[in-house]
Structure formats: structure tokens, C-alpha cells
């Protein structure tokens, strides 16, 4: 993974400008949930040369939890909790994005 962050929408454009300049991706994924309906037109206007690919978000929150705990194994008493009851102690939207990447890769 080259870059990961949780970025407020207000700061999204400059962060994307930097990432697009640094990594020059062939396409960019966006979760196809409710928020994408408002965001996608802005992304097209800001970056018309980028191919934006909507990816279904179904069950990505659960997959994101799994990915989080693969990268940050629970310690102490938290490791005794059943997997279904484990919730990351910090925001983990970046792992939901990783779940979208894995999903998109499977469909290619």
C-alpha cells in the first residue's frame, strides 16, 4: 500500500491532486454508496482525465474490520472477544477502501 488516509471531504481535492500527481493511477475507485452520488460529479469536474470506477460497498464494513485486525492483531483481553464483537478502537474507513480494492480486483 503506497498511501492511506481518512480525509474529510473539505480536504479531499488537494489530497487527491497530490496523490494523482505522485502515483499517476490508471483509474480510481470510489464506493458506490449513497455519498458517491453527490461526490462523483465533483470528482469528474475536478479531475476530468481520471477514470472513476464505482465499486459496490456491500459488506465492506465487515471486511474492513477483518482487514484492520489482520494488520493490528488484538492484544490483552480484546483478543478473547469473539471476532464478531471486535470493533477497531479508531476510524477504519481506510480499510474499507482497501476492501473495495480487493473487490474490484476480483471482478477483473
N, C-alpha and C. Protein backbone atom coordinates (compact mmCIF):
# COMPACT_ATOMS: atom_id res chain seq x y z
N UNK A 1 0.85 -1.16 0.00
CA UNK A 1 0.00 0.00 0.00
C UNK A 1 0.90 1.23 0.00
N UNK A 2 0.69 2.10 -0.94
CA UNK A 2 1.54 3.28 -1.08
C UNK A 2 1.07 4.46 -0.24
N UNK A 3 -0.24 4.56 -0.06
CA UNK A 3 -0.80 5.71 0.66
C UNK A 3 -2.13 5.31 1.23
N UNK A 4 -2.39 5.74 2.45
CA UNK A 4 -3.73 5.54 3.02
C UNK A 4 -3.98 6.67 4.00
N UNK A 5 -5.21 7.14 4.00
CA UNK A 5 -5.61 8.22 4.88
C UNK A 5 -7.13 8.29 4.92
N UNK A 6 -7.63 8.88 5.98
CA UNK A 6 -9.04 9.20 6.08
C UNK A 6 -9.10 10.71 5.97
N UNK A 7 -9.71 11.19 4.89
CA UNK A 7 -9.67 12.61 4.56
C UNK A 7 -11.07 13.20 4.58
N UNK A 8 -11.29 14.29 5.32
CA UNK A 8 -12.60 14.95 5.26
C UNK A 8 -12.86 15.47 3.85
N UNK A 9 -14.10 15.49 3.44
CA UNK A 9 -14.47 15.91 2.09
C UNK A 9 -13.92 17.30 1.78
N UNK A 10 -13.90 18.18 2.77
CA UNK A 10 -13.41 19.55 2.56
C UNK A 10 -11.94 19.57 2.15
N UNK A 11 -11.18 18.55 2.51
CA UNK A 11 -9.75 18.50 2.21
C UNK A 11 -9.43 17.51 1.09
N UNK A 12 -10.44 16.95 0.50
CA UNK A 12 -10.25 15.88 -0.48
C UNK A 12 -9.53 16.33 -1.74
N UNK A 13 -9.91 17.46 -2.29
CA UNK A 13 -9.33 17.89 -3.57
C UNK A 13 -7.81 18.04 -3.51
N UNK A 14 -7.24 18.78 -2.55
CA UNK A 14 -5.77 18.89 -2.53
C UNK A 14 -5.06 17.57 -2.27
N UNK A 15 -5.66 16.71 -1.46
CA UNK A 15 -5.03 15.41 -1.20
C UNK A 15 -5.04 14.57 -2.47
N UNK A 16 -6.16 14.57 -3.18
CA UNK A 16 -6.23 13.83 -4.44
C UNK A 16 -5.28 14.40 -5.48
N UNK A 17 -5.18 15.72 -5.56
CA UNK A 17 -4.25 16.34 -6.51
C UNK A 17 -2.83 15.82 -6.26
N UNK A 18 -2.43 15.79 -5.00
CA UNK A 18 -1.08 15.32 -4.66
C UNK A 18 -0.91 13.84 -4.99
N UNK A 19 -1.90 13.03 -4.64
CA UNK A 19 -1.81 11.59 -4.90
C UNK A 19 -1.80 11.30 -6.40
N UNK A 20 -2.65 11.98 -7.16
CA UNK A 20 -2.69 11.75 -8.60
C UNK A 20 -1.38 12.16 -9.26
N UNK A 21 -0.79 13.24 -8.80
CA UNK A 21 0.50 13.68 -9.35
C UNK A 21 1.61 12.72 -8.99
N UNK A 22 1.60 12.22 -7.77
CA UNK A 22 2.68 11.35 -7.30
C UNK A 22 2.60 9.95 -7.88
N UNK A 23 1.40 9.38 -7.95
CA UNK A 23 1.27 7.97 -8.31
C UNK A 23 0.72 7.73 -9.71
N UNK A 24 0.15 8.71 -10.36
CA UNK A 24 -0.43 8.61 -11.70
C UNK A 24 -1.20 7.30 -11.94
N UNK A 25 -2.28 7.08 -11.18
CA UNK A 25 -3.05 5.84 -11.37
C UNK A 25 -3.77 5.82 -12.70
N UNK A 26 -4.02 4.61 -13.20
CA UNK A 26 -4.78 4.44 -14.44
C UNK A 26 -6.27 4.65 -14.21
N UNK A 27 -6.71 4.36 -13.00
CA UNK A 27 -8.11 4.56 -12.63
C UNK A 27 -8.18 4.72 -11.12
N UNK A 28 -9.29 5.27 -10.65
CA UNK A 28 -9.51 5.46 -9.22
C UNK A 28 -10.86 4.87 -8.86
N UNK A 29 -10.89 4.18 -7.76
CA UNK A 29 -12.13 3.55 -7.30
C UNK A 29 -12.86 4.48 -6.35
N UNK A 30 -14.16 4.37 -6.37
CA UNK A 30 -15.00 5.11 -5.42
C UNK A 30 -16.11 4.16 -5.00
N UNK A 31 -16.40 4.14 -3.70
CA UNK A 31 -17.50 3.33 -3.21
C UNK A 31 -18.81 3.80 -3.83
N UNK A 32 -19.62 2.88 -4.28
CA UNK A 32 -20.86 3.22 -4.99
C UNK A 32 -22.03 3.43 -4.05
N UNK A 33 -21.77 3.79 -2.81
CA UNK A 33 -22.84 4.02 -1.85
C UNK A 33 -23.51 5.37 -2.06
N UNK A 34 -24.37 5.73 -1.13
CA UNK A 34 -25.18 6.94 -1.22
C UNK A 34 -24.33 8.19 -1.40
N UNK A 35 -23.25 8.34 -0.65
CA UNK A 35 -22.41 9.53 -0.72
C UNK A 35 -21.76 9.74 -2.07
N UNK A 36 -21.56 8.68 -2.83
CA UNK A 36 -20.89 8.81 -4.12
C UNK A 36 -21.75 9.56 -5.13
N UNK A 37 -23.06 9.53 -4.96
CA UNK A 37 -23.94 10.22 -5.90
C UNK A 37 -23.69 11.73 -5.89
N UNK A 38 -23.33 12.28 -4.74
CA UNK A 38 -23.01 13.70 -4.64
C UNK A 38 -21.55 13.98 -4.97
N UNK A 39 -20.67 13.04 -4.64
CA UNK A 39 -19.24 13.27 -4.79
C UNK A 39 -18.75 13.03 -6.22
N UNK A 40 -19.27 12.05 -6.89
CA UNK A 40 -18.79 11.69 -8.22
C UNK A 40 -18.83 12.84 -9.23
N UNK A 41 -19.91 13.62 -9.29
CA UNK A 41 -19.89 14.76 -10.22
C UNK A 41 -18.77 15.76 -9.91
N UNK A 42 -18.49 15.97 -8.62
CA UNK A 42 -17.38 16.86 -8.25
C UNK A 42 -16.05 16.30 -8.69
N UNK A 43 -15.86 15.01 -8.49
CA UNK A 43 -14.60 14.38 -8.89
C UNK A 43 -14.40 14.48 -10.40
N UNK A 44 -15.47 14.26 -11.17
CA UNK A 44 -15.38 14.39 -12.63
C UNK A 44 -15.02 15.82 -13.03
N UNK A 45 -15.58 16.79 -12.33
CA UNK A 45 -15.29 18.20 -12.64
C UNK A 45 -13.85 18.57 -12.26
N UNK A 46 -13.39 18.11 -11.10
CA UNK A 46 -12.03 18.42 -10.64
C UNK A 46 -10.97 17.71 -11.47
N UNK A 47 -11.24 16.46 -11.80
CA UNK A 47 -10.24 15.61 -12.47
C UNK A 47 -10.88 14.89 -13.67
N UNK A 48 -11.18 15.62 -14.74
CA UNK A 48 -11.88 15.01 -15.87
C UNK A 48 -11.07 13.94 -16.59
N UNK A 49 -9.76 13.94 -16.44
CA UNK A 49 -8.92 12.96 -17.12
C UNK A 49 -8.86 11.61 -16.40
N UNK A 50 -9.37 11.56 -15.18
CA UNK A 50 -9.30 10.34 -14.37
C UNK A 50 -10.52 9.47 -14.64
N UNK A 51 -10.28 8.17 -14.75
CA UNK A 51 -11.37 7.20 -14.90
C UNK A 51 -11.81 6.78 -13.49
N UNK A 52 -13.00 7.20 -13.10
CA UNK A 52 -13.54 6.89 -11.77
C UNK A 52 -14.41 5.65 -11.89
N UNK A 53 -14.10 4.63 -11.11
CA UNK A 53 -14.82 3.36 -11.18
C UNK A 53 -15.60 3.13 -9.89
N UNK A 54 -16.93 3.24 -9.92
CA UNK A 54 -17.73 2.94 -8.73
C UNK A 54 -17.70 1.44 -8.43
N UNK A 55 -17.52 1.11 -7.15
CA UNK A 55 -17.46 -0.29 -6.71
C UNK A 55 -18.52 -0.49 -5.63
N UNK A 56 -19.34 -1.54 -5.71
CA UNK A 56 -20.36 -1.78 -4.69
C UNK A 56 -19.74 -1.87 -3.29
N UNK A 57 -20.42 -1.26 -2.33
CA UNK A 57 -19.90 -1.22 -0.96
C UNK A 57 -20.50 -2.29 -0.05
N UNK A 58 -21.31 -3.16 -0.58
CA UNK A 58 -22.00 -4.15 0.25
C UNK A 58 -21.01 -4.94 1.11
N UNK A 59 -21.24 -4.94 2.41
CA UNK A 59 -20.47 -5.69 3.41
C UNK A 59 -19.01 -5.25 3.54
N UNK A 60 -18.66 -4.06 3.05
CA UNK A 60 -17.27 -3.62 3.18
C UNK A 60 -16.92 -3.25 4.62
N UNK A 61 -17.90 -2.84 5.42
CA UNK A 61 -17.60 -2.52 6.81
C UNK A 61 -17.11 -3.76 7.55
N UNK A 62 -17.77 -4.89 7.34
CA UNK A 62 -17.33 -6.13 7.99
C UNK A 62 -15.96 -6.56 7.49
N UNK A 63 -15.76 -6.45 6.19
CA UNK A 63 -14.45 -6.81 5.62
C UNK A 63 -13.37 -5.85 6.12
N UNK A 64 -13.72 -4.58 6.29
CA UNK A 64 -12.76 -3.61 6.80
C UNK A 64 -12.33 -3.95 8.22
N UNK A 65 -13.26 -4.40 9.03
CA UNK A 65 -12.90 -4.83 10.40
C UNK A 65 -11.91 -5.99 10.35
N UNK A 66 -12.19 -6.96 9.50
CA UNK A 66 -11.28 -8.11 9.37
C UNK A 66 -9.89 -7.64 8.96
N UNK A 67 -9.83 -6.76 7.96
CA UNK A 67 -8.54 -6.27 7.48
C UNK A 67 -7.82 -5.47 8.57
N UNK A 68 -8.56 -4.66 9.30
CA UNK A 68 -7.96 -3.88 10.38
C UNK A 68 -7.27 -4.82 11.37
N UNK A 69 -7.98 -5.85 11.80
CA UNK A 69 -7.42 -6.74 12.81
C UNK A 69 -6.35 -7.68 12.25
N UNK A 70 -6.32 -7.86 10.94
CA UNK A 70 -5.18 -8.58 10.35
C UNK A 70 -3.91 -7.74 10.47
N UNK A 71 -4.07 -6.42 10.29
CA UNK A 71 -2.91 -5.52 10.37
C UNK A 71 -2.60 -5.08 11.80
N UNK A 72 -3.60 -5.12 12.67
CA UNK A 72 -3.44 -4.72 14.08
C UNK A 72 -4.08 -5.79 14.96
N UNK A 73 -3.40 -6.92 15.15
CA UNK A 73 -4.00 -8.00 15.95
C UNK A 73 -4.35 -7.51 17.36
N UNK A 74 -5.52 -7.92 17.86
CA UNK A 74 -5.92 -7.51 19.21
C UNK A 74 -4.96 -8.06 20.25
N UNK A 75 -4.78 -7.28 21.29
CA UNK A 75 -3.88 -7.68 22.38
C UNK A 75 -4.67 -7.67 23.69
N UNK A 76 -4.09 -8.31 24.69
CA UNK A 76 -4.71 -8.33 26.00
C UNK A 76 -6.08 -8.98 25.97
N UNK A 77 -6.99 -8.43 26.77
CA UNK A 77 -8.33 -9.02 26.88
C UNK A 77 -9.11 -8.94 25.58
N UNK A 78 -8.76 -7.99 24.69
CA UNK A 78 -9.51 -7.85 23.42
C UNK A 78 -9.36 -9.08 22.53
N UNK A 79 -8.25 -9.80 22.65
CA UNK A 79 -8.07 -10.98 21.82
C UNK A 79 -9.03 -12.10 22.23
N UNK A 80 -9.62 -12.00 23.44
CA UNK A 80 -10.56 -13.01 23.91
C UNK A 80 -11.97 -12.78 23.38
N UNK A 81 -12.23 -11.60 22.85
CA UNK A 81 -13.56 -11.31 22.29
C UNK A 81 -13.78 -12.11 21.02
N UNK A 82 -15.01 -12.58 20.80
CA UNK A 82 -15.32 -13.22 19.51
C UNK A 82 -15.11 -12.21 18.38
N UNK A 83 -14.69 -12.70 17.23
CA UNK A 83 -14.38 -11.81 16.10
C UNK A 83 -15.54 -10.88 15.77
N UNK A 84 -16.76 -11.36 15.85
CA UNK A 84 -17.93 -10.55 15.51
C UNK A 84 -18.17 -9.40 16.47
N UNK A 85 -17.57 -9.45 17.66
CA UNK A 85 -17.75 -8.38 18.65
C UNK A 85 -16.59 -7.39 18.67
N UNK A 86 -15.57 -7.65 17.89
CA UNK A 86 -14.41 -6.76 17.86
C UNK A 86 -14.69 -5.55 16.97
N UNK A 87 -14.50 -4.39 17.53
CA UNK A 87 -14.65 -3.15 16.78
C UNK A 87 -13.34 -2.38 16.93
N UNK A 88 -12.76 -1.93 15.82
CA UNK A 88 -11.50 -1.19 15.92
C UNK A 88 -11.64 0.04 16.82
N UNK A 89 -10.60 0.36 17.58
CA UNK A 89 -10.66 1.49 18.51
C UNK A 89 -10.43 2.85 17.84
N UNK A 90 -10.33 2.86 16.53
CA UNK A 90 -10.09 4.10 15.79
C UNK A 90 -10.83 4.01 14.45
N UNK A 91 -11.00 5.13 13.75
CA UNK A 91 -11.65 5.06 12.44
C UNK A 91 -10.92 4.09 11.51
N UNK A 92 -11.68 3.36 10.72
CA UNK A 92 -11.06 2.35 9.85
C UNK A 92 -11.62 2.40 8.43
N UNK A 93 -12.03 3.59 8.02
CA UNK A 93 -12.53 3.77 6.65
C UNK A 93 -11.47 3.46 5.61
N UNK A 94 -10.19 3.65 5.97
CA UNK A 94 -9.12 3.34 5.02
C UNK A 94 -9.09 1.84 4.71
N UNK A 95 -9.47 1.02 5.67
CA UNK A 95 -9.53 -0.42 5.41
C UNK A 95 -10.77 -0.78 4.60
N UNK A 96 -11.82 0.01 4.72
CA UNK A 96 -12.99 -0.19 3.85
C UNK A 96 -12.60 0.10 2.40
N UNK A 97 -11.76 1.11 2.21
CA UNK A 97 -11.26 1.41 0.86
C UNK A 97 -10.42 0.24 0.34
N UNK A 98 -9.61 -0.34 1.21
CA UNK A 98 -8.81 -1.50 0.82
C UNK A 98 -9.72 -2.67 0.44
N UNK A 99 -10.81 -2.84 1.17
CA UNK A 99 -11.78 -3.89 0.83
C UNK A 99 -12.37 -3.64 -0.55
N UNK A 100 -12.61 -2.38 -0.91
CA UNK A 100 -13.11 -2.07 -2.25
C UNK A 100 -12.07 -2.42 -3.32
N UNK A 101 -10.82 -2.17 -3.02
CA UNK A 101 -9.75 -2.51 -3.97
C UNK A 101 -9.72 -4.02 -4.20
N UNK A 102 -9.79 -4.79 -3.13
CA UNK A 102 -9.80 -6.24 -3.26
C UNK A 102 -11.02 -6.70 -4.07
N UNK A 103 -12.18 -6.09 -3.81
CA UNK A 103 -13.39 -6.46 -4.53
C UNK A 103 -13.24 -6.16 -6.02
N UNK A 104 -12.72 -4.99 -6.35
CA UNK A 104 -12.55 -4.61 -7.74
C UNK A 104 -11.55 -5.54 -8.44
N UNK A 105 -10.51 -5.94 -7.73
CA UNK A 105 -9.50 -6.83 -8.32
C UNK A 105 -10.10 -8.20 -8.64
N UNK A 106 -11.03 -8.67 -7.81
CA UNK A 106 -11.68 -9.97 -8.04
C UNK A 106 -12.53 -9.98 -9.29
N UNK A 107 -13.11 -8.81 -9.62
CA UNK A 107 -14.04 -8.76 -10.75
C UNK A 107 -13.33 -8.54 -12.08
N UNK A 108 -12.04 -8.33 -12.05
CA UNK A 108 -11.31 -8.12 -13.32
C UNK A 108 -11.00 -9.41 -14.00
